[in-house]
Amino acid sequence: MEQLNNSLAARLADRFRGFLPVVVDVETGGFDAERDALLEIAVVVIGMDQEGHLYPHPAVSTHVEPFPGANIDPRALEITGIDPENPLRGALDERSALDHIFQPVRLAIRQNECQRAILVGHNAAFDLGFLNAAVRRVGHKRNPFHPFSCFDTATLSGLAFGQTVLSKAVLAAGYTFDSREAHSAVYDAERTALLFCRIVNRLRALEVLELERVGSVLP
């Protein structure tokens, strides 16, 4: 078994071609990344244990102050329950918010000897679009994320479990999902991270079984 395990990627940097998977979830004032406000963002760095299994690190998150002139659709606030005017949110401006979430990502990239991070999200293009728009607005020069590549758990869970809605995919993966906590960036990022790890670990288990089968028939 040790020989079989050694034939699979044993380092996170090797598993994803030098990329560090990081789950990102954003809550926003609408669907237009250029015009609508970024209101909350959470990241969950993915780790790998000595057996090659993925696991999520604790989430890092912050509320975000709407950028000047940002549009906020009241219907979006009804879904998220966010009150942008609440002083108790402790919101950071976009530059400070990006610095806050990028710092642990860059640290994990160095620790895992990766080249850069790759965004993991449920309908990942949405989260990546808002992240990139905020980076452009503030002129951030140290964005650790790949600018266009991503891993979409909606697609992956459709393949693995036949479900594309986050709540249903999480349940199909064997976890609980509290609809009262949904549309919180932290909760959705944490559930998405569990889902991503379950799918990748499930694939690894199948790879091990396949290697065992091939090894048993070789002379």
Protein backbone atom coordinates (compact mmCIF):
# COMPACT_ATOMS: atom_id res chain seq x y z
CA MET A 1 0.00 0.00 0.00
CA GLU A 2 2.85 2.38 0.76
CA GLN A 3 4.22 1.85 -2.74
CA LEU A 4 0.77 2.55 -4.21
CA ASN A 5 0.36 5.71 -2.18
CA ASN A 6 3.76 6.92 -3.32
CA SER A 7 2.61 6.65 -6.93
CA LEU A 8 -0.10 9.24 -6.21
CA ALA A 9 0.55 12.90 -5.51
CA ALA A 10 1.84 13.17 -1.94
CA ARG A 11 2.30 16.95 -1.93
CA LEU A 12 -0.35 19.58 -2.42
CA ALA A 13 1.90 21.37 -4.91
CA ASP A 14 2.09 18.20 -7.02
CA ARG A 15 -1.61 17.38 -6.78
CA PHE A 16 -2.80 20.49 -8.62
CA ARG A 17 0.17 21.33 -10.85
CA GLY A 18 1.63 23.92 -8.50
CA PHE A 19 -1.69 25.51 -7.59
CA LEU A 20 -3.01 25.89 -4.04
CA PRO A 21 -6.81 25.42 -3.96
CA VAL A 22 -8.53 28.11 -1.88
CA VAL A 23 -12.29 28.26 -1.48
CA VAL A 24 -13.73 31.76 -1.88
CA ASP A 25 -17.29 32.91 -1.25
CA VAL A 26 -18.56 36.47 -1.66
CA GLU A 27 -21.80 38.16 -0.70
CA THR A 28 -22.68 41.12 -2.86
CA GLY A 29 -25.18 43.85 -3.65
CA GLY A 30 -26.14 42.27 -6.98
CA PHE A 31 -24.83 40.25 -9.90
CA ASP A 32 -22.72 42.83 -11.76
CA ALA A 33 -19.12 42.63 -10.52
CA GLU A 34 -18.24 46.03 -11.98
CA ARG A 35 -21.21 47.99 -10.64
CA ASP A 36 -22.52 46.14 -7.58
CA ALA A 37 -20.97 46.26 -4.13
CA LEU A 38 -18.79 43.56 -2.63
CA LEU A 39 -20.16 43.26 0.92
CA GLU A 40 -18.54 40.19 2.46
CA ILE A 41 -15.77 37.77 1.52
CA ALA A 42 -14.46 34.56 3.07
CA VAL A 43 -11.60 32.24 2.13
CA VAL A 44 -10.83 28.68 3.23
CA VAL A 45 -7.34 27.41 2.42
CA ILE A 46 -7.21 23.71 1.56
CA GLY A 47 -4.54 21.53 3.18
CA MET A 48 -3.28 18.00 2.59
CA ASP A 49 -2.34 15.45 5.25
CA GLN A 50 0.46 12.89 5.08
CA GLU A 51 -1.86 10.34 3.51
CA GLY A 52 -2.67 12.69 0.66
CA HIS A 53 -6.18 13.53 1.84
CA LEU A 54 -7.45 17.10 1.57
CA TYR A 55 -8.93 18.99 4.50
CA PRO A 56 -10.12 22.59 5.05
CA HIS A 57 -8.33 25.09 7.25
CA PRO A 58 -10.41 27.54 9.34
CA ALA A 59 -12.10 30.30 7.36
CA VAL A 60 -10.72 33.84 7.20
CA SER A 61 -13.33 36.49 6.43
CA THR A 62 -14.30 40.13 6.59
CA HIS A 63 -17.20 42.43 5.86
CA VAL A 64 -16.45 44.95 3.13
CA GLU A 65 -17.43 48.60 2.78
CA PRO A 66 -19.20 49.30 -0.54
CA PHE A 67 -16.87 51.13 -2.92
CA PRO A 68 -17.83 54.74 -3.78
CA GLY A 69 -20.78 54.79 -6.18
CA ALA A 70 -21.48 51.08 -5.75
CA ASN A 71 -24.95 49.81 -6.57
CA ILE A 72 -26.80 47.77 -3.93
CA ASP A 73 -29.98 45.98 -4.96
CA PRO A 74 -32.40 45.75 -2.00
CA ARG A 75 -33.43 42.31 -3.22
CA ALA A 76 -29.86 41.08 -2.73
CA LEU A 77 -29.90 42.34 0.86
CA GLU A 78 -33.14 40.45 1.50
CA ILE A 79 -31.34 37.25 0.56
CA THR A 80 -28.10 37.85 2.47
CA GLY A 81 -29.58 39.68 5.46
CA ILE A 82 -26.67 42.14 5.33
CA ASP A 83 -27.19 45.71 6.54
CA PRO A 84 -24.40 47.75 4.91
CA GLU A 85 -25.13 50.70 7.22
CA ASN A 86 -24.71 48.72 10.43
CA PRO A 87 -21.61 50.11 12.21
CA LEU A 88 -21.23 46.83 14.09
CA ARG A 89 -20.30 45.01 10.87
CA GLY A 90 -16.69 46.13 11.33
CA ALA A 91 -16.36 46.40 7.57
CA LEU A 92 -13.02 47.10 5.92
CA ASP A 93 -12.48 49.11 2.76
CA GLU A 94 -11.81 46.97 -0.30
CA ARG A 95 -8.02 47.38 -0.21
CA SER A 96 -7.80 46.41 3.46
CA ALA A 97 -10.25 43.55 2.95
CA LEU A 98 -8.15 42.12 0.13
CA ASP A 99 -4.98 42.46 2.21
CA HIS A 100 -6.74 40.64 5.06
CA ILE A 101 -7.72 37.59 3.00
CA PHE A 102 -4.63 37.51 0.78
CA GLN A 103 -2.17 37.32 3.69
CA PRO A 104 -3.03 33.75 4.83
CA VAL A 105 -3.30 32.63 1.21
CA ARG A 106 0.22 33.85 0.37
CA LEU A 107 1.53 32.22 3.55
CA ALA A 108 -0.03 28.88 2.59
CA ILE A 109 1.39 29.16 -0.93
CA ARG A 110 4.90 29.48 0.52
CA GLN A 111 4.40 26.70 3.06
CA ASN A 112 3.14 24.28 0.42
CA GLU A 113 5.73 25.34 -2.18
CA CYS A 114 2.98 26.24 -4.64
CA GLN A 115 3.23 28.85 -7.39
CA ARG A 116 -0.08 30.59 -6.78
CA ALA A 117 -3.63 30.02 -5.56
CA ILE A 118 -6.55 28.81 -7.64
CA LEU A 119 -10.06 29.83 -6.63
CA VAL A 120 -12.53 27.11 -5.69
CA GLY A 121 -16.15 28.18 -5.61
CA HIS A 122 -19.70 27.02 -6.11
CA ASN A 123 -20.47 28.68 -9.44
CA ALA A 124 -16.90 29.90 -9.19
CA ALA A 125 -17.02 32.41 -12.05
CA PHE A 126 -19.28 34.63 -9.94
CA ASP A 127 -16.87 34.77 -6.99
CA LEU A 128 -13.82 35.14 -9.23
CA GLY A 129 -15.50 37.99 -11.11
CA PHE A 130 -16.14 40.00 -7.95
CA LEU A 131 -12.67 39.25 -6.59
CA ASN A 132 -11.00 40.39 -9.81
CA ALA A 133 -13.17 43.51 -10.01
CA ALA A 134 -12.15 44.54 -6.47
CA VAL A 135 -8.48 43.91 -7.32
CA ARG A 136 -8.77 46.17 -10.37
CA ARG A 137 -10.56 48.94 -8.48
CA VAL A 138 -7.88 49.24 -5.82
CA GLY A 139 -4.95 48.51 -8.13
CA HIS A 140 -3.78 45.59 -5.98
CA LYS A 141 -0.42 44.29 -7.22
CA ARG A 142 -0.15 41.17 -5.05
CA ASN A 143 -3.20 39.13 -5.94
CA PRO A 144 -2.17 35.50 -5.26
CA PHE A 145 -5.04 34.01 -7.29
CA HIS A 146 -4.89 32.89 -10.90
CA PRO A 147 -6.77 35.55 -12.87
CA PHE A 148 -9.08 33.24 -14.82
CA SER A 149 -8.64 29.56 -13.90
CA CYS A 150 -10.84 28.11 -11.16
CA PHE A 151 -12.39 24.92 -9.81
CA ASP A 152 -16.20 24.96 -9.83
CA THR A 153 -17.83 22.68 -7.24
CA ALA A 154 -21.19 23.04 -9.00
CA THR A 155 -19.68 21.17 -11.95
CA LEU A 156 -17.69 18.76 -9.80
CA SER A 157 -20.65 17.87 -7.58
CA GLY A 158 -22.85 17.43 -10.64
CA LEU A 159 -20.36 14.83 -11.83
CA ALA A 160 -19.78 13.20 -8.44
CA PHE A 161 -23.26 13.29 -6.90
CA GLY A 162 -25.70 14.36 -9.60
CA GLN A 163 -26.43 17.59 -7.71
CA THR A 164 -25.51 21.16 -8.64
CA VAL A 165 -27.32 23.21 -5.96
CA LEU A 166 -24.93 23.76 -3.04
CA SER A 167 -27.29 22.63 -0.28
CA LYS A 168 -28.28 19.45 -2.14
CA ALA A 169 -24.70 18.67 -3.11
CA VAL A 170 -23.51 19.07 0.48
CA LEU A 171 -26.25 16.74 1.70
CA ALA A 172 -25.41 14.22 -1.03
CA ALA A 173 -21.78 14.33 0.13
CA GLY A 174 -22.90 13.26 3.60
CA TYR A 175 -22.77 16.59 5.44
CA THR A 176 -25.47 18.74 7.00
CA PHE A 177 -26.63 22.03 5.54
CA ASP A 178 -28.44 24.66 7.62
CA SER A 179 -30.50 26.85 5.31
CA ARG A 180 -30.68 29.48 8.06
CA GLU A 181 -26.90 29.94 7.80
CA ALA A 182 -26.84 30.00 3.98
CA HIS A 183 -25.77 33.19 2.19
CA SER A 184 -23.22 33.90 4.89
CA ALA A 185 -19.83 34.02 3.18
CA VAL A 186 -18.19 32.04 5.98
CA TYR A 187 -20.83 29.31 6.12
CA ASP A 188 -21.04 28.87 2.36
CA ALA A 189 -17.24 28.84 2.05
CA GLU A 190 -16.92 26.23 4.80
CA ARG A 191 -19.60 23.98 3.25
CA THR A 192 -18.05 24.39 -0.21
CA ALA A 193 -14.63 23.47 1.20
CA LEU A 194 -16.01 20.27 2.75
CA LEU A 195 -17.69 19.43 -0.55
CA PHE A 196 -14.52 20.01 -2.58
CA CYS A 197 -12.40 17.92 -0.20
CA ARG A 198 -14.93 15.08 -0.22
CA ILE A 199 -14.99 14.95 -4.03
CA VAL A 200 -11.20 15.01 -4.41
CA ASN A 201 -10.67 12.49 -1.59
CA ARG A 202 -13.31 10.22 -3.10
CA LEU A 203 -11.45 10.30 -6.40
CA ARG A 204 -8.19 9.47 -4.62
CA ALA A 205 -9.83 6.43 -3.01
CA LEU A 206 -10.94 5.24 -6.44
CA GLU A 207 -7.41 5.77 -7.78
CA VAL A 208 -6.00 3.64 -4.95
CA LEU A 209 -8.49 0.84 -5.70
CA GLU A 210 -7.57 0.99 -9.38
CA LEU A 211 -3.86 0.80 -8.61
CA GLU A 212 -4.48 -2.14 -6.29
CA ARG A 213 -6.45 -3.92 -8.99
CA VAL A 214 -3.76 -3.34 -11.61
CA GLY A 215 -1.04 -4.37 -9.17
CA SER A 216 -2.84 -7.62 -8.35
CA VAL A 217 -2.84 -8.79 -11.97
CA LEU A 218 0.72 -7.80 -12.81
CA PRO A 219 3.35 -10.60 -12.75
